[in-house]
Amino acid sequence: MQSLSTNQLATNSSNLHSKSQAELSANVFIGSSIIIPLILFAGFKLYKKHRSVVLRQQIATLEKVWHLDIKKRA
């Protein structure tokens, strides 16, 4: 009787292990399909913000040079 219950536990645990492996791969797929677009979106937004900051700095530098040039002419 003891060996029968041990056999059933081994069979049930192997079925649970294979089932959890399939669930794990499905969870990884679902997680990556959610995380990757979020990372891409955040990266795009950060890049646009960085470009606008750089553009403002360039405009400020050009305006300073332009004002210096006007003062020299006057």
N, C-alpha and C. Protein backbone atom coordinates (compact mmCIF):
# COMPACT_ATOMS: atom_id res chain seq x y z
N MET A 1 0.82 -1.19 0.00
CA MET A 1 0.00 0.00 0.00
C MET A 1 0.86 1.25 0.00
N GLN A 2 1.98 1.21 0.68
CA GLN A 2 2.89 2.36 0.76
C GLN A 2 3.44 2.71 -0.62
N SER A 3 3.79 1.72 -1.42
CA SER A 3 4.37 2.01 -2.73
C SER A 3 3.35 2.60 -3.68
N LEU A 4 2.10 2.25 -3.56
CA LEU A 4 1.06 2.79 -4.41
C LEU A 4 0.90 4.30 -4.20
N SER A 5 0.88 4.74 -2.96
CA SER A 5 0.73 6.16 -2.69
C SER A 5 1.97 6.94 -3.14
N THR A 6 3.14 6.35 -3.02
CA THR A 6 4.36 7.00 -3.49
C THR A 6 4.33 7.14 -5.00
N ASN A 7 3.85 6.11 -5.69
CA ASN A 7 3.73 6.16 -7.13
C ASN A 7 2.77 7.26 -7.56
N GLN A 8 1.66 7.41 -6.90
CA GLN A 8 0.69 8.42 -7.25
C GLN A 8 1.24 9.82 -7.01
N LEU A 9 1.99 10.00 -5.94
CA LEU A 9 2.59 11.31 -5.67
C LEU A 9 3.59 11.67 -6.75
N ALA A 10 4.38 10.70 -7.18
CA ALA A 10 5.38 10.96 -8.21
C ALA A 10 4.71 11.31 -9.53
N THR A 11 3.65 10.62 -9.89
CA THR A 11 2.94 10.90 -11.13
C THR A 11 2.29 12.27 -11.07
N ASN A 12 1.64 12.58 -9.97
CA ASN A 12 0.98 13.88 -9.84
C ASN A 12 1.99 15.02 -9.85
N SER A 13 3.11 14.85 -9.20
CA SER A 13 4.10 15.93 -9.17
C SER A 13 4.74 16.13 -10.54
N SER A 14 4.92 15.06 -11.32
CA SER A 14 5.48 15.23 -12.66
C SER A 14 4.48 15.93 -13.56
N ASN A 15 3.18 15.66 -13.41
CA ASN A 15 2.18 16.36 -14.20
C ASN A 15 2.12 17.83 -13.82
N LEU A 16 2.23 18.12 -12.56
CA LEU A 16 2.23 19.51 -12.11
C LEU A 16 3.46 20.24 -12.62
N HIS A 17 4.60 19.55 -12.65
CA HIS A 17 5.83 20.18 -13.11
C HIS A 17 5.73 20.53 -14.60
N SER A 18 5.21 19.59 -15.41
CA SER A 18 5.09 19.88 -16.84
C SER A 18 4.06 20.98 -17.10
N LYS A 19 3.00 21.00 -16.32
CA LYS A 19 1.99 22.03 -16.47
C LYS A 19 2.55 23.40 -16.07
N SER A 20 3.30 23.44 -15.01
CA SER A 20 3.86 24.72 -14.59
C SER A 20 4.91 25.22 -15.57
N GLN A 21 5.60 24.30 -16.26
CA GLN A 21 6.58 24.70 -17.27
C GLN A 21 5.87 25.38 -18.44
N ALA A 22 4.73 24.84 -18.86
CA ALA A 22 3.96 25.45 -19.94
C ALA A 22 3.41 26.80 -19.50
N GLU A 23 2.94 26.88 -18.27
CA GLU A 23 2.43 28.15 -17.76
C GLU A 23 3.54 29.18 -17.65
N LEU A 24 4.73 28.71 -17.27
CA LEU A 24 5.87 29.62 -17.15
C LEU A 24 6.23 30.21 -18.50
N SER A 25 6.27 29.39 -19.54
CA SER A 25 6.61 29.91 -20.86
C SER A 25 5.52 30.87 -21.37
N ALA A 26 4.26 30.58 -21.04
CA ALA A 26 3.19 31.49 -21.44
C ALA A 26 3.30 32.81 -20.68
N ASN A 27 3.64 32.73 -19.40
CA ASN A 27 3.79 33.95 -18.60
C ASN A 27 4.96 34.79 -19.09
N VAL A 28 6.05 34.14 -19.49
CA VAL A 28 7.20 34.87 -20.02
C VAL A 28 6.82 35.57 -21.31
N PHE A 29 6.09 34.88 -22.17
CA PHE A 29 5.66 35.48 -23.43
C PHE A 29 4.76 36.68 -23.19
N ILE A 30 3.78 36.52 -22.32
CA ILE A 30 2.85 37.62 -22.02
C ILE A 30 3.59 38.78 -21.37
N GLY A 31 4.47 38.48 -20.44
CA GLY A 31 5.23 39.53 -19.77
C GLY A 31 6.11 40.30 -20.73
N SER A 32 6.80 39.58 -21.62
CA SER A 32 7.67 40.27 -22.57
C SER A 32 6.87 41.05 -23.60
N SER A 33 5.68 40.57 -23.95
CA SER A 33 4.87 41.32 -24.92
C SER A 33 4.29 42.58 -24.29
N ILE A 34 4.28 42.68 -22.98
CA ILE A 34 3.83 43.90 -22.32
C ILE A 34 5.01 44.81 -22.02
N ILE A 35 6.11 44.26 -21.53
CA ILE A 35 7.26 45.05 -21.09
C ILE A 35 7.99 45.70 -22.27
N ILE A 36 8.21 44.97 -23.34
CA ILE A 36 9.00 45.50 -24.47
C ILE A 36 8.36 46.75 -25.08
N PRO A 37 7.06 46.77 -25.38
CA PRO A 37 6.48 48.03 -25.89
C PRO A 37 6.55 49.18 -24.89
N LEU A 38 6.41 48.87 -23.60
CA LEU A 38 6.53 49.94 -22.60
C LEU A 38 7.93 50.52 -22.59
N ILE A 39 8.94 49.68 -22.68
CA ILE A 39 10.32 50.16 -22.71
C ILE A 39 10.57 50.99 -23.96
N LEU A 40 10.06 50.53 -25.11
CA LEU A 40 10.23 51.29 -26.35
C LEU A 40 9.54 52.65 -26.27
N PHE A 41 8.33 52.67 -25.72
CA PHE A 41 7.60 53.93 -25.59
C PHE A 41 8.33 54.90 -24.67
N ALA A 42 8.80 54.38 -23.52
CA ALA A 42 9.52 55.24 -22.57
C ALA A 42 10.82 55.75 -23.20
N GLY A 43 11.51 54.90 -23.93
CA GLY A 43 12.74 55.32 -24.60
C GLY A 43 12.48 56.40 -25.63
N PHE A 44 11.42 56.25 -26.39
CA PHE A 44 11.06 57.26 -27.39
C PHE A 44 10.74 58.60 -26.74
N LYS A 45 9.96 58.56 -25.64
CA LYS A 45 9.61 59.79 -24.95
C LYS A 45 10.86 60.47 -24.37
N LEU A 46 11.75 59.68 -23.77
CA LEU A 46 12.97 60.25 -23.21
C LEU A 46 13.86 60.84 -24.30
N TYR A 47 13.92 60.19 -25.46
CA TYR A 47 14.74 60.70 -26.55
C TYR A 47 14.17 62.03 -27.05
N LYS A 48 12.85 62.11 -27.20
CA LYS A 48 12.23 63.36 -27.65
C LYS A 48 12.49 64.49 -26.65
N LYS A 49 12.41 64.18 -25.35
CA LYS A 49 12.66 65.19 -24.32
C LYS A 49 14.12 65.64 -24.39
N HIS A 50 15.03 64.70 -24.57
CA HIS A 50 16.45 65.03 -24.66
C HIS A 50 16.71 65.94 -25.86
N ARG A 51 16.10 65.61 -27.00
CA ARG A 51 16.31 66.43 -28.21
C ARG A 51 15.76 67.84 -28.01
N SER A 52 14.63 67.97 -27.33
CA SER A 52 14.08 69.32 -27.12
C SER A 52 14.97 70.13 -26.19
N VAL A 53 15.58 69.48 -25.18
CA VAL A 53 16.49 70.19 -24.28
C VAL A 53 17.73 70.65 -25.04
N VAL A 54 18.28 69.77 -25.87
CA VAL A 54 19.46 70.13 -26.65
C VAL A 54 19.14 71.27 -27.62
N LEU A 55 17.98 71.20 -28.24
CA LEU A 55 17.58 72.27 -29.18
C LEU A 55 17.44 73.60 -28.46
N ARG A 56 16.84 73.61 -27.28
CA ARG A 56 16.72 74.86 -26.50
C ARG A 56 18.09 75.42 -26.13
N GLN A 57 19.02 74.54 -25.78
CA GLN A 57 20.38 75.00 -25.44
C GLN A 57 21.05 75.60 -26.66
N GLN A 58 20.88 74.98 -27.81
CA GLN A 58 21.48 75.52 -29.03
C GLN A 58 20.87 76.87 -29.39
N ILE A 59 19.58 77.00 -29.23
CA ILE A 59 18.92 78.28 -29.52
C ILE A 59 19.42 79.36 -28.57
N ALA A 60 19.56 79.03 -27.28
CA ALA A 60 20.05 80.01 -26.31
C ALA A 60 21.47 80.44 -26.65
N THR A 61 22.31 79.51 -27.05
CA THR A 61 23.69 79.85 -27.43
C THR A 61 23.71 80.76 -28.66
N LEU A 62 22.90 80.43 -29.65
CA LEU A 62 22.86 81.27 -30.84
C LEU A 62 22.33 82.66 -30.55
N GLU A 63 21.34 82.77 -29.67
CA GLU A 63 20.82 84.09 -29.30
C GLU A 63 21.87 84.92 -28.57
N LYS A 64 22.68 84.28 -27.70
CA LYS A 64 23.75 85.00 -27.01
C LYS A 64 24.78 85.51 -28.01
N VAL A 65 25.15 84.67 -28.98
CA VAL A 65 26.11 85.09 -30.00
C VAL A 65 25.53 86.22 -30.83
N TRP A 66 24.27 86.13 -31.16
CA TRP A 66 23.63 87.15 -31.96
C TRP A 66 23.58 88.48 -31.21
N HIS A 67 23.27 88.45 -29.93
CA HIS A 67 23.24 89.69 -29.14
C HIS A 67 24.63 90.27 -28.98
N LEU A 68 25.65 89.45 -28.86
CA LEU A 68 27.02 89.95 -28.78
C LEU A 68 27.41 90.63 -30.09
N ASP A 69 26.99 90.05 -31.20
CA ASP A 69 27.32 90.61 -32.51
C ASP A 69 26.62 91.96 -32.68
N ILE A 70 25.39 92.11 -32.20
CA ILE A 70 24.65 93.37 -32.32
C ILE A 70 25.35 94.44 -31.47
N LYS A 71 25.81 94.08 -30.27
CA LYS A 71 26.47 95.06 -29.40
C LYS A 71 27.79 95.53 -30.01
N LYS A 72 28.49 94.66 -30.71
CA LYS A 72 29.74 95.06 -31.34
C LYS A 72 29.50 96.04 -32.49
N ARG A 73 28.41 95.88 -33.19
CA ARG A 73 28.09 96.76 -34.32
C ARG A 73 27.59 98.13 -33.86
N ALA A 74 27.01 98.19 -32.71
CA ALA A 74 26.41 99.45 -32.28
C ALA A 74 27.41 100.41 -31.73
